[in-house]
Amino acid sequence: MLAKGVFVTDYMKLGLMDYDVPEPKWNEVMVKTKACGVCCWDSWLYRGVNAPGPMPYVIGHEGVGIVEKVGAGVTSLKVGDKVFCGSGCNEMMCEYFTVPEDGLVKLPDDIEDWAKAVFEPNCCVVNLLDITHIRPGDHVVLVGAGYMGLMTLQGIMNGSSAGRVTVFELREDRRKMAEEYHPYEVLDPESEEGKKVIEEIKAKGGADICIDFGASDSGFHLADSMTKEAGKLIIGSFHRGKVEFDGTKWHLGGLIVYNLAPMSNAHYREILPRTYELIKRGVYDPAKYMTHTAHYKDAEGMEYLFQRAVDKKDGYIKGAVLFD
């Protein structure tokens, strides 16, 4: 079925083009898109980085909407159900998309603010904390308090048994957001106070768990440097190139390294409905950080949205494309 999709047509250029949406096969569902989140990955695809192939290409993997068709074998969903997608394909910034049944989670019938029902990133955060296994009293260091970092902080402070929680973030506005969750300390790593605490953590042998959401080489190395012997280093950022590490330190220090990517968990799709239960219980509030939206047919608004996804200006934390 032909539908209009958002394509990257050139470097930092978008356009609406026809996309042939697959008909649902066994255990697959077609969804009429109401909104699709703009992932950090989408902002890089907008610049031609980590692209699936030559331009033009359709993007998007954080879709929400209404079930349009169901394939044979589908039992948990029916036409008309409202759903969010947590896994399935990277072509969701389109009027329709088709994914496996177990990549979808049913939403309440009264959902109206579709942008605030973009929950796929939250599933990644829950996956991260699930594989991390925070023990009672663990000292957890979070490097980077952007969108994913802030949601990770929600999970740590509202739903874990962590002890001391330390947050390092360069931007003052995001430090203030992080302070709302009352971690032990929130610091600028380049300030004198921040540098002093970094050295104190190192002098005491390091933190039990360090989570890298800095999305930079410096953020990665900061998290790495503060992870204690036999501690856990969590790579939350999607680094778009080679990142060097000290193999001697990692080997002799017995470092355990975890990767946020959903592919790191063979049971990732089991996380999706569990994430929604945590959202309903108030452990997470991803809607709080949905700051920018644009309608897919509004070329000027779409350009502004994606430029802010790149430069993070104008208070940008998270954006979504609207199809409603």
C-alpha atoms as a PDB file:
ATOM      1  CA  MET A   1       0.000   0.000   0.000  1.00  0.00           C
ATOM      2  CA  LEU A   2       1.430   3.368  -1.004  1.00  0.00           C
ATOM      3  CA  ALA A   3       1.604   6.044   1.696  1.00  0.00           C
ATOM      4  CA  LYS A   4       3.511   9.263   2.252  1.00  0.00           C
ATOM      5  CA  GLY A   5       6.669   8.942   4.307  1.00  0.00           C
ATOM      6  CA  VAL A   6       9.265  11.378   5.640  1.00  0.00           C
ATOM      7  CA  PHE A   7      12.479  10.811   3.678  1.00  0.00           C
ATOM      8  CA  VAL A   8      15.961  12.209   4.087  1.00  0.00           C
ATOM      9  CA  THR A   9      16.566  13.426   0.546  1.00  0.00           C
ATOM     10  CA  ASP A  10      19.941  15.137   1.024  1.00  0.00           C
ATOM     11  CA  TYR A  11      22.192  16.409   3.806  1.00  0.00           C
ATOM     12  CA  MET A  12      19.830  18.036   6.333  1.00  0.00           C
ATOM     13  CA  LYS A  13      16.985  17.989   3.818  1.00  0.00           C
ATOM     14  CA  LEU A  14      13.618  16.252   4.216  1.00  0.00           C
ATOM     15  CA  GLY A  15      10.863  15.506   1.759  1.00  0.00           C
ATOM     16  CA  LEU A  16       7.586  13.605   1.531  1.00  0.00           C
ATOM     17  CA  MET A  17       7.761  10.682  -0.836  1.00  0.00           C
ATOM     18  CA  ASP A  18       5.716   7.580  -1.606  1.00  0.00           C
ATOM     19  CA  TYR A  19       6.561   4.557   0.493  1.00  0.00           C
ATOM     20  CA  ASP A  20       5.235   1.060  -0.180  1.00  0.00           C
ATOM     21  CA  VAL A  21       3.998  -0.072   3.234  1.00  0.00           C
ATOM     22  CA  PRO A  22       4.096  -3.899   3.484  1.00  0.00           C
ATOM     23  CA  GLU A  23       0.807  -5.688   4.012  1.00  0.00           C
ATOM     24  CA  PRO A  24       0.776  -7.517   7.368  1.00  0.00           C
ATOM     25  CA  LYS A  25       1.904 -11.133   7.190  1.00  0.00           C
ATOM     26  CA  TRP A  26       1.538 -13.814   9.865  1.00  0.00           C
ATOM     27  CA  ASN A  27       1.657 -12.213  13.339  1.00  0.00           C
ATOM     28  CA  GLU A  28       2.119  -8.742  11.859  1.00  0.00           C
ATOM     29  CA  VAL A  29       0.077  -5.574  12.329  1.00  0.00           C
ATOM     30  CA  MET A  30      -0.344  -2.460  10.194  1.00  0.00           C
ATOM     31  CA  VAL A  31      -0.680   0.767  12.183  1.00  0.00           C
ATOM     32  CA  LYS A  32      -2.071   4.129  11.047  1.00  0.00           C
ATOM     33  CA  THR A  33       0.548   6.514  12.404  1.00  0.00           C
ATOM     34  CA  LYS A  34      -0.510   9.323  14.715  1.00  0.00           C
ATOM     35  CA  ALA A  35       2.963  10.404  15.857  1.00  0.00           C
ATOM     36  CA  CYS A  36       6.562   9.282  15.617  1.00  0.00           C
ATOM     37  CA  GLY A  37       9.316  10.346  17.979  1.00  0.00           C
ATOM     38  CA  VAL A  38      12.507  11.910  16.659  1.00  0.00           C
ATOM     39  CA  CYS A  39      15.330   9.778  18.003  1.00  0.00           C
ATOM     40  CA  CYS A  40      18.890  11.047  18.292  1.00  0.00           C
ATOM     41  CA  TRP A  41      19.602   8.447  15.608  1.00  0.00           C
ATOM     42  CA  ASP A  42      17.099  10.230  13.323  1.00  0.00           C
ATOM     43  CA  SER A  43      19.001  13.465  13.845  1.00  0.00           C
ATOM     44  CA  TRP A  44      22.144  11.712  12.598  1.00  0.00           C
ATOM     45  CA  LEU A  45      20.312  10.100   9.679  1.00  0.00           C
ATOM     46  CA  TYR A  46      19.186  13.648   8.825  1.00  0.00           C
ATOM     47  CA  ARG A  47      22.905  14.337   8.353  1.00  0.00           C
ATOM     48  CA  GLY A  48      23.560  11.125   6.435  1.00  0.00           C
ATOM     49  CA  VAL A  49      25.347   9.336   9.287  1.00  0.00           C
ATOM     50  CA  ASN A  50      24.664   5.631   9.993  1.00  0.00           C
ATOM     51  CA  ALA A  51      22.344   5.608   6.971  1.00  0.00           C
ATOM     52  CA  PRO A  52      20.651   2.394   5.763  1.00  0.00           C
ATOM     53  CA  GLY A  53      21.820   3.102   2.211  1.00  0.00           C
ATOM     54  CA  PRO A  54      22.015   5.891  -0.370  1.00  0.00           C
ATOM     55  CA  MET A  55      19.588   8.796  -0.138  1.00  0.00           C
ATOM     56  CA  PRO A  56      16.637   9.091  -0.206  1.00  0.00           C
ATOM     57  CA  TYR A  57      15.561   6.868   2.686  1.00  0.00           C
ATOM     58  CA  VAL A  58      12.582   6.852   5.049  1.00  0.00           C
ATOM     59  CA  ILE A  59      13.284   7.093   8.787  1.00  0.00           C
ATOM     60  CA  GLY A  60      11.605   6.649  12.193  1.00  0.00           C
ATOM     61  CA  HIS A  61      11.266   3.882  14.771  1.00  0.00           C
ATOM     62  CA  GLU A  62       9.242   5.445  17.612  1.00  0.00           C
ATOM     63  CA  GLY A  63       5.740   5.196  16.175  1.00  0.00           C
ATOM     64  CA  VAL A  64       2.356   5.361  17.904  1.00  0.00           C
ATOM     65  CA  GLY A  65      -1.075   5.086  16.335  1.00  0.00           C
ATOM     66  CA  ILE A  66      -4.182   3.012  15.647  1.00  0.00           C
ATOM     67  CA  VAL A  67      -4.288  -0.565  14.381  1.00  0.00           C
ATOM     68  CA  GLU A  68      -5.395  -0.505  10.732  1.00  0.00           C
ATOM     69  CA  LYS A  69      -5.027  -4.180   9.749  1.00  0.00           C
ATOM     70  CA  VAL A  70      -4.010  -7.417  11.445  1.00  0.00           C
ATOM     71  CA  GLY A  71      -2.397 -10.429   9.828  1.00  0.00           C
ATOM     72  CA  ALA A  72      -3.332 -14.046  10.417  1.00  0.00           C
ATOM     73  CA  GLY A  73      -2.276 -15.324  13.819  1.00  0.00           C
ATOM     74  CA  VAL A  74      -2.600 -11.982  15.610  1.00  0.00           C
ATOM     75  CA  THR A  75      -4.469 -12.549  18.892  1.00  0.00           C
ATOM     76  CA  SER A  76      -3.674  -9.666  21.260  1.00  0.00           C
ATOM     77  CA  LEU A  77      -4.748  -6.743  19.069  1.00  0.00           C
ATOM     78  CA  LYS A  78      -7.664  -5.810  16.827  1.00  0.00           C
ATOM     79  CA  VAL A  79      -8.487  -3.106  14.307  1.00  0.00           C
ATOM     80  CA  GLY A  80      -9.090   0.187  16.120  1.00  0.00           C
ATOM     81  CA  ASP A  81      -6.797  -0.498  19.082  1.00  0.00           C
ATOM     82  CA  LYS A  82      -4.468   2.330  20.049  1.00  0.00           C
ATOM     83  CA  VAL A  83      -0.840   1.229  20.397  1.00  0.00           C
ATOM     84  CA  PHE A  84       2.732   2.338  20.819  1.00  0.00           C
ATOM     85  CA  CYS A  85       5.561   0.546  19.063  1.00  0.00           C
ATOM     86  CA  GLY A  86       8.761  -0.396  20.866  1.00  0.00           C
ATOM     87  CA  SER A  87      10.394  -2.562  18.216  1.00  0.00           C
ATOM     88  CA  GLY A  88       9.949  -3.733  14.666  1.00  0.00           C
ATOM     89  CA  CYS A  89      11.278  -1.502  11.876  1.00  0.00           C
ATOM     90  CA  ASN A  90      12.957   1.801  11.041  1.00  0.00           C
ATOM     91  CA  GLU A  91      10.346   3.115   8.580  1.00  0.00           C
ATOM     92  CA  MET A  92       7.713   4.458  10.976  1.00  0.00           C
ATOM     93  CA  MET A  93       7.843   8.151  10.047  1.00  0.00           C
ATOM     94  CA  CYS A  94       5.173   7.366   7.514  1.00  0.00           C
ATOM     95  CA  GLU A  95       1.376   7.505   7.351  1.00  0.00           C
ATOM     96  CA  TYR A  96       1.315   3.735   8.025  1.00  0.00           C
ATOM     97  CA  PHE A  97       3.828   1.154   9.202  1.00  0.00           C
ATOM     98  CA  THR A  98       3.825  -2.628   9.614  1.00  0.00           C
ATOM     99  CA  VAL A  99       5.554  -4.461  12.481  1.00  0.00           C
ATOM    100  CA  PRO A 100       5.365  -7.768  14.388  1.00  0.00           C
ATOM    101  CA  GLU A 101       2.565  -8.064  16.928  1.00  0.00           C
ATOM    102  CA  ASP A 102       4.937  -8.440  19.873  1.00  0.00           C
ATOM    103  CA  GLY A 103       6.560  -5.090  19.050  1.00  0.00           C
ATOM    104  CA  LEU A 104       3.329  -3.285  19.982  1.00  0.00           C
ATOM    105  CA  VAL A 105       1.698  -2.465  23.313  1.00  0.00           C
ATOM    106  CA  LYS A 106      -1.974  -1.546  23.630  1.00  0.00           C
ATOM    107  CA  LEU A 107      -2.780   1.932  24.953  1.00  0.00           C
ATOM    108  CA  PRO A 108      -6.008   3.148  26.606  1.00  0.00           C
ATOM    109  CA  ASP A 109      -8.838   4.143  24.297  1.00  0.00           C
ATOM    110  CA  ASP A 110      -8.835   7.708  25.658  1.00  0.00           C
ATOM    111  CA  ILE A 111      -5.310   8.540  24.435  1.00  0.00           C
ATOM    112  CA  GLU A 112      -5.459  11.856  22.554  1.00  0.00           C
ATOM    113  CA  ASP A 113      -2.046  13.504  22.964  1.00  0.00           C
ATOM    114  CA  TRP A 114      -0.157  11.168  20.683  1.00  0.00           C
ATOM    115  CA  ALA A 115       3.240  12.847  20.986  1.00  0.00           C
ATOM    116  CA  LYS A 116       3.229  12.145  24.703  1.00  0.00           C
ATOM    117  CA  ALA A 117       2.612   8.441  24.036  1.00  0.00           C
ATOM    118  CA  VAL A 118       6.009   7.980  22.372  1.00  0.00           C
ATOM    119  CA  PHE A 119       7.364   5.347  24.765  1.00  0.00           C
ATOM    120  CA  GLU A 120       9.978   3.440  22.720  1.00  0.00           C
ATOM    121  CA  PRO A 121      12.969   5.296  24.255  1.00  0.00           C
ATOM    122  CA  ASN A 122      11.628   4.491  27.727  1.00  0.00           C
ATOM    123  CA  CYS A 123      11.743   0.787  26.806  1.00  0.00           C
ATOM    124  CA  CYS A 124      15.460   1.186  26.054  1.00  0.00           C
ATOM    125  CA  VAL A 125      16.009   2.783  29.467  1.00  0.00           C
ATOM    126  CA  VAL A 126      14.159  -0.028  31.247  1.00  0.00           C
ATOM    127  CA  ASN A 127      16.224  -2.536  29.278  1.00  0.00           C
ATOM    128  CA  LEU A 128      19.404  -0.760  30.389  1.00  0.00           C
ATOM    129  CA  LEU A 129      18.476  -0.812  34.064  1.00  0.00           C
ATOM    130  CA  ASP A 130      17.227  -4.400  33.805  1.00  0.00           C
ATOM    131  CA  ILE A 131      20.549  -5.722  32.529  1.00  0.00           C
ATOM    132  CA  THR A 132      22.508  -3.475  34.922  1.00  0.00           C
ATOM    133  CA  HIS A 133      21.240  -5.168  38.108  1.00  0.00           C
ATOM    134  CA  ILE A 134      21.699  -2.281  40.555  1.00  0.00           C
ATOM    135  CA  ARG A 135      22.339  -3.751  43.996  1.00  0.00           C
ATOM    136  CA  PRO A 136      21.168  -2.208  47.287  1.00  0.00           C
ATOM    137  CA  GLY A 137      23.334   0.768  48.154  1.00  0.00           C
ATOM    138  CA  ASP A 138      25.315   0.856  44.895  1.00  0.00           C
ATOM    139  CA  HIS A 139      27.009   4.140  44.066  1.00  0.00           C
ATOM    140  CA  VAL A 140      25.716   4.998  40.598  1.00  0.00           C
ATOM    141  CA  VAL A 141      27.304   7.725  38.464  1.00  0.00           C
ATOM    142  CA  LEU A 142      25.320   9.095  35.510  1.00  0.00           C
ATOM    143  CA  VAL A 143      27.281  11.068  32.920  1.00  0.00           C
ATOM    144  CA  GLY A 144      24.896  13.143  30.800  1.00  0.00           C
ATOM    145  CA  ALA A 145      21.404  14.375  31.673  1.00  0.00           C
ATOM    146  CA  GLY A 146      19.832  14.765  28.252  1.00  0.00           C
ATOM    147  CA  TYR A 147      16.548  13.067  27.360  1.00  0.00           C
ATOM    148  CA  MET A 148      17.754   9.488  27.838  1.00  0.00           C
ATOM    149  CA  GLY A 149      19.874  10.420  30.832  1.00  0.00           C
ATOM    150  CA  LEU A 150      16.955  12.124  32.568  1.00  0.00           C
ATOM    151  CA  MET A 151      14.674   9.135  32.011  1.00  0.00           C
ATOM    152  CA  THR A 152      17.399   6.843  33.323  1.00  0.00           C
ATOM    153  CA  LEU A 153      17.600   9.082  36.378  1.00  0.00           C
ATOM    154  CA  GLN A 154      13.817   8.740  36.814  1.00  0.00           C
ATOM    155  CA  GLY A 155      14.203   4.959  36.885  1.00  0.00           C
ATOM    156  CA  ILE A 156      17.166   5.030  39.270  1.00  0.00           C
ATOM    157  CA  MET A 157      15.570   7.426  41.754  1.00  0.00           C
ATOM    158  CA  ASN A 158      11.990   6.116  41.537  1.00  0.00           C
ATOM    159  CA  GLY A 159      12.473   2.409  41.008  1.00  0.00           C
ATOM    160  CA  SER A 160      15.869   1.127  42.112  1.00  0.00           C
ATOM    161  CA  SER A 161      17.762   0.380  45.322  1.00  0.00           C
ATOM    162  CA  ALA A 162      20.740   2.581  44.461  1.00  0.00           C
ATOM    163  CA  GLY A 163      22.523   4.397  47.266  1.00  0.00           C
ATOM    164  CA  ARG A 164      24.543   7.461  46.343  1.00  0.00           C
ATOM    165  CA  VAL A 165      23.619   8.769  42.893  1.00  0.00           C
ATOM    166  CA  THR A 166      25.942  11.291  41.247  1.00  0.00           C
ATOM    167  CA  VAL A 167      25.063  13.153  38.039  1.00  0.00           C
ATOM    168  CA  PHE A 168      27.533  14.994  35.818  1.00  0.00           C
ATOM    169  CA  GLU A 169      26.105  17.307  33.164  1.00  0.00           C
ATOM    170  CA  LEU A 170      27.670  20.252  31.328  1.00  0.00           C
ATOM    171  CA  ARG A 171      24.479  22.257  30.687  1.00  0.00           C
ATOM    172  CA  GLU A 172      23.019  24.261  33.549  1.00  0.00           C
ATOM    173  CA  ASP A 173      19.398  23.881  32.391  1.00  0.00           C
ATOM    174  CA  ARG A 174      19.706  20.094  32.375  1.00  0.00           C
ATOM    175  CA  ARG A 175      21.427  20.069  35.745  1.00  0.00           C
ATOM    176  CA  LYS A 176      18.382  21.863  37.141  1.00  0.00           C
ATOM    177  CA  MET A 177      16.108  19.204  35.599  1.00  0.00           C
ATOM    178  CA  ALA A 178      18.235  16.460  37.147  1.00  0.00           C
ATOM    179  CA  GLU A 179      18.081  18.127  40.557  1.00  0.00           C
ATOM    180  CA  GLU A 180      14.290  17.677  40.570  1.00  0.00           C
ATOM    181  CA  TYR A 181      14.843  13.954  41.293  1.00  0.00           C
ATOM    182  CA  HIS A 182      17.056  14.679  44.315  1.00  0.00           C
ATOM    183  CA  PRO A 183      20.125  12.589  43.573  1.00  0.00           C
ATOM    184  CA  TYR A 184      22.995  12.906  46.042  1.00  0.00           C
ATOM    185  CA  GLU A 185      24.729  15.491  43.832  1.00  0.00           C
ATOM    186  CA  VAL A 186      24.452  17.108  40.392  1.00  0.00           C
ATOM    187  CA  LEU A 187      27.649  18.669  39.090  1.00  0.00           C
ATOM    188  CA  ASP A 188      29.298  20.321  36.120  1.00  0.00           C
ATOM    189  CA  PRO A 189      32.281  18.023  35.452  1.00  0.00           C
ATOM    190  CA  GLU A 190      34.346  20.990  34.270  1.00  0.00           C
ATOM    191  CA  SER A 191      33.734  23.089  37.391  1.00  0.00           C
ATOM    192  CA  GLU A 192      36.180  23.095  40.290  1.00  0.00           C
ATOM    193  CA  GLU A 193      33.608  21.352  42.496  1.00  0.00           C
ATOM    194  CA  GLY A 194      32.925  18.792  39.800  1.00  0.00           C
ATOM    195  CA  LYS A 195      36.612  18.060  39.267  1.00  0.00           C
ATOM    196  CA  LYS A 196      37.064  17.688  43.024  1.00  0.00           C
ATOM    197  CA  VAL A 197      34.247  15.116  43.279  1.00  0.00           C
ATOM    198  CA  ILE A 198      35.586  13.200  40.254  1.00  0.00           C
ATOM    199  CA  GLU A 199      38.981  12.900  41.937  1.00  0.00           C
ATOM    200  CA  GLU A 200      37.326  11.908  45.225  1.00  0.00           C
ATOM    201  CA  ILE A 201      35.383   9.122  43.502  1.00  0.00           C
ATOM    202  CA  LYS A 202      38.556   7.859  41.844  1.00  0.00           C
ATOM    203  CA  ALA A 203      40.553   8.084  45.097  1.00  0.00           C
ATOM    204  CA  LYS A 204      37.961   5.906  46.847  1.00  0.00           C
ATOM    205  CA  GLY A 205      38.328   3.224  44.178  1.00  0.00           C
ATOM    206  CA  GLY A 206      35.522   4.306  41.852  1.00  0.00           C
ATOM    207  CA  ALA A 207      31.760   3.942  41.671  1.00  0.00           C
ATOM    208  CA  ASP A 208      29.945   0.603  41.465  1.00  0.00           C
ATOM    209  CA  ILE A 209      28.127   1.579  38.268  1.00  0.00           C
ATOM    210  CA  CYS A 210      28.898   4.324  35.754  1.00  0.00           C
ATOM    211  CA  ILE A 211      26.437   5.093  32.960  1.00  0.00           C
ATOM    212  CA  ASP A 212      27.622   6.946  29.862  1.00  0.00           C
ATOM    213  CA  PHE A 213      24.941   9.139  28.321  1.00  0.00           C
ATOM    214  CA  GLY A 214      27.338  11.941  27.413  1.00  0.00           C
ATOM    215  CA  ALA A 215      27.196  11.099  23.693  1.00  0.00           C
ATOM    216  CA  SER A 216      30.847  12.132  23.331  1.00  0.00           C
ATOM    217  CA  ASP A 217      34.323  10.692  23.686  1.00  0.00           C
ATOM    218  CA  SER A 218      34.889  12.856  26.763  1.00  0.00           C
ATOM    219  CA  GLY A 219      31.694  11.562  28.379  1.00  0.00           C
ATOM    220  CA  PHE A 220      32.660   7.974  27.678  1.00  0.00           C
ATOM    221  CA  HIS A 221      36.152   8.426  29.104  1.00  0.00           C
ATOM    222  CA  LEU A 222      34.797  10.204  32.180  1.00  0.00           C
ATOM    223  CA  ALA A 223      32.433   7.324  32.947  1.00  0.00           C
ATOM    224  CA  ASP A 224      35.180   4.793  32.249  1.00  0.00           C
ATOM    225  CA  SER A 225      37.639   6.586  34.529  1.00  0.00           C
ATOM    226  CA  MET A 226      35.267   6.490  37.510  1.00  0.00           C
ATOM    227  CA  THR A 227      34.220   2.829  37.280  1.00  0.00           C
ATOM    228  CA  LYS A 228      35.704   0.765  40.086  1.00  0.00           C
ATOM    229  CA  GLU A 229      37.540  -2.527  39.767  1.00  0.00           C
ATOM    230  CA  ALA A 230      35.037  -5.239  38.828  1.00  0.00           C
ATOM    231  CA  GLY A 231      32.470  -2.453  38.469  1.00  0.00           C
ATOM    232  CA  LYS A 232      29.919  -1.978  35.717  1.00  0.00           C
ATOM    233  CA  LEU A 233      30.341   0.461  32.847  1.00  0.00           C
ATOM    234  CA  ILE A 234      27.111   1.036  30.935  1.00  0.00           C
ATOM    235  CA  ILE A 235      27.426   2.396  27.397  1.00  0.00           C
ATOM    236  CA  GLY A 236      24.118   4.185  26.964  1.00  0.00           C
ATOM    237  CA  SER A 237      25.223   6.534  24.190  1.00  0.00           C
ATOM    238  CA  PHE A 238      25.151   5.434  20.551  1.00  0.00           C
ATOM    239  CA  HIS A 239      28.713   6.405  19.610  1.00  0.00           C
ATOM    240  CA  ARG A 240      28.881   7.027  15.872  1.00  0.00           C
ATOM    241  CA  GLY A 241      32.505   6.096  15.393  1.00  0.00           C
ATOM    242  CA  LYS A 242      35.470   4.395  16.980  1.00  0.00           C
ATOM    243  CA  VAL A 243      35.998   4.985  20.687  1.00  0.00           C
ATOM    244  CA  GLU A 244      39.309   3.989  22.241  1.00  0.00           C
ATOM    245  CA  PHE A 245      39.611   2.291  25.613  1.00  0.00           C
ATOM    246  CA  ASP A 246      42.451   1.058  27.782  1.00  0.00           C
ATOM    247  CA  GLY A 247      42.336  -2.699  27.293  1.00  0.00           C
ATOM    248  CA  THR A 248      44.854  -3.298  30.091  1.00  0.00           C
ATOM    249  CA  LYS A 249      42.694  -1.429  32.610  1.00  0.00           C
ATOM    250  CA  TRP A 250      39.540  -3.191  31.437  1.00  0.00           C
ATOM    251  CA  HIS A 251      41.159  -6.628  31.594  1.00  0.00           C
ATOM    252  CA  LEU A 252      43.146  -6.349  34.819  1.00  0.00           C
ATOM    253  CA  GLY A 253      40.378  -4.321  36.452  1.00  0.00           C
ATOM    254  CA  GLY A 254      37.764  -6.933  35.629  1.00  0.00           C
ATOM    255  CA  LEU A 255      35.459  -4.296  34.192  1.00  0.00           C
ATOM    256  CA  ILE A 256      31.981  -5.460  33.157  1.00  0.00           C
ATOM    257  CA  VAL A 257      30.704  -3.534  30.129  1.00  0.00           C
ATOM    258  CA  TYR A 258      27.036  -3.373  29.171  1.00  0.00           C
ATOM    259  CA  ASN A 259      25.481  -2.074  25.962  1.00  0.00           C
ATOM    260  CA  LEU A 260      22.132  -0.264  25.976  1.00  0.00           C
ATOM    261  CA  ALA A 261      21.194  -1.487  22.476  1.00  0.00           C
ATOM    262  CA  PRO A 262      17.993  -3.585  22.440  1.00  0.00           C
ATOM    263  CA  MET A 263      19.901  -6.266  20.531  1.00  0.00           C
ATOM    264  CA  SER A 264      21.915  -6.881  23.701  1.00  0.00           C
ATOM    265  CA  ASN A 265      18.850  -8.577  25.190  1.00  0.00           C
ATOM    266  CA  ALA A 266      17.364 -11.582  23.398  1.00  0.00           C
ATOM    267  CA  HIS A 267      14.180 -11.005  25.417  1.00  0.00           C
ATOM    268  CA  TYR A 268      13.945  -7.279  24.701  1.00  0.00           C
ATOM    269  CA  ARG A 269      10.346  -7.371  23.477  1.00  0.00           C
ATOM    270  CA  GLU A 270       9.265  -8.738  26.857  1.00  0.00           C
ATOM    271  CA  ILE A 271      10.440  -5.381  28.249  1.00  0.00           C
ATOM    272  CA  LEU A 272       7.859  -3.405  26.247  1.00  0.00           C
ATOM    273  CA  PRO A 273       4.653  -4.155  28.210  1.00  0.00           C
ATOM    274  CA  ARG A 274       6.637  -4.098  31.461  1.00  0.00           C
ATOM    275  CA  THR A 275       7.808  -0.586  30.629  1.00  0.00           C
ATOM    276  CA  TYR A 276       4.235   0.565  30.142  1.00  0.00           C
ATOM    277  CA  GLU A 277       3.297  -0.831  33.559  1.00  0.00           C
ATOM    278  CA  LEU A 278       6.079   1.263  35.105  1.00  0.00           C
ATOM    279  CA  ILE A 279       4.889   4.362  33.249  1.00  0.00           C
ATOM    280  CA  LYS A 280       1.341   3.814  34.532  1.00  0.00           C
ATOM    281  CA  ARG A 281       2.713   3.426  38.071  1.00  0.00           C
ATOM    282  CA  GLY A 282       4.582   6.730  37.830  1.00  0.00           C
ATOM    283  CA  VAL A 283       8.119   5.387  37.940  1.00  0.00           C
ATOM    284  CA  TYR A 284       8.670   7.079  34.576  1.00  0.00           C
ATOM    285  CA  ASP A 285       7.150  10.190  33.026  1.00  0.00           C
ATOM    286  CA  PRO A 286       8.588  10.421  29.491  1.00  0.00           C
ATOM    287  CA  ALA A 287       5.855  12.842  28.399  1.00  0.00           C
ATOM    288  CA  LYS A 288       7.412  15.472  30.672  1.00  0.00           C
ATOM    289  CA  TYR A 289      10.286  15.970  28.251  1.00  0.00           C
ATOM    290  CA  MET A 290       8.369  16.113  24.950  1.00  0.00           C
ATOM    291  CA  THR A 291       9.279  19.696  24.075  1.00  0.00           C
ATOM    292  CA  HIS A 292       8.932  20.078  20.278  1.00  0.00           C
ATOM    293  CA  THR A 293       6.511  18.810  17.622  1.00  0.00           C
ATOM    294  CA  ALA A 294       5.798  19.456  13.943  1.00  0.00           C
ATOM    295  CA  HIS A 295       3.193  18.155  11.488  1.00  0.00           C
ATOM    296  CA  TYR A 296       4.646  15.998   8.747  1.00  0.00           C
ATOM    297  CA  LYS A 297       3.133  18.187   6.008  1.00  0.00           C
ATOM    298  CA  ASP A 298       4.557  21.402   7.498  1.00  0.00           C
ATOM    299  CA  ALA A 299       7.903  21.675   5.676  1.00  0.00           C
ATOM    300  CA  GLU A 300       9.076  24.733   7.629  1.00  0.00           C
ATOM    301  CA  GLY A 301       8.065  23.239  10.972  1.00  0.00           C
ATOM    302  CA  MET A 302       9.762  19.938  10.124  1.00  0.00           C
ATOM    303  CA  GLU A 303      12.992  21.714   9.194  1.00  0.00           C
ATOM    304  CA  TYR A 304      12.934  23.631  12.481  1.00  0.00           C
ATOM    305  CA  LEU A 305      12.193  20.469  14.486  1.00  0.00           C
ATOM    306  CA  PHE A 306      15.063  18.500  12.975  1.00  0.00           C
ATOM    307  CA  GLN A 307      17.527  21.372  13.259  1.00  0.00           C
ATOM    308  CA  ARG A 308      16.721  21.606  16.968  1.00  0.00           C
ATOM    309  CA  ALA A 309      17.166  17.839  17.258  1.00  0.00           C
ATOM    310  CA  VAL A 310      20.697  18.425  15.971  1.00  0.00           C
ATOM    311  CA  ASP A 311      21.758  21.548  17.895  1.00  0.00           C
ATOM    312  CA  LYS A 312      19.543  21.114  21.001  1.00  0.00           C
ATOM    313  CA  LYS A 313      18.719  24.842  21.088  1.00  0.00           C
ATOM    314  CA  ASP A 314      15.432  26.490  22.131  1.00  0.00           C
ATOM    315  CA  GLY A 315      15.082  24.192  25.147  1.00  0.00           C
ATOM    316  CA  TYR A 316      14.935  21.083  22.984  1.00  0.00           C
ATOM    317  CA  ILE A 317      14.866  17.797  24.873  1.00  0.00           C
ATOM    318  CA  LYS A 318      12.656  15.532  22.752  1.00  0.00           C
ATOM    319  CA  GLY A 319      10.649  15.961  19.567  1.00  0.00           C
ATOM    320  CA  ALA A 320       7.940  14.169  17.612  1.00  0.00           C
ATOM    321  CA  VAL A 321       6.445  14.293  14.139  1.00  0.00           C
ATOM    322  CA  LEU A 322       2.634  14.454  14.130  1.00  0.00           C
ATOM    323  CA  PHE A 323       0.471  12.654  11.582  1.00  0.00           C
ATOM    324  CA  ASP A 324      -2.908  13.477  13.137  1.00  0.00           C
END
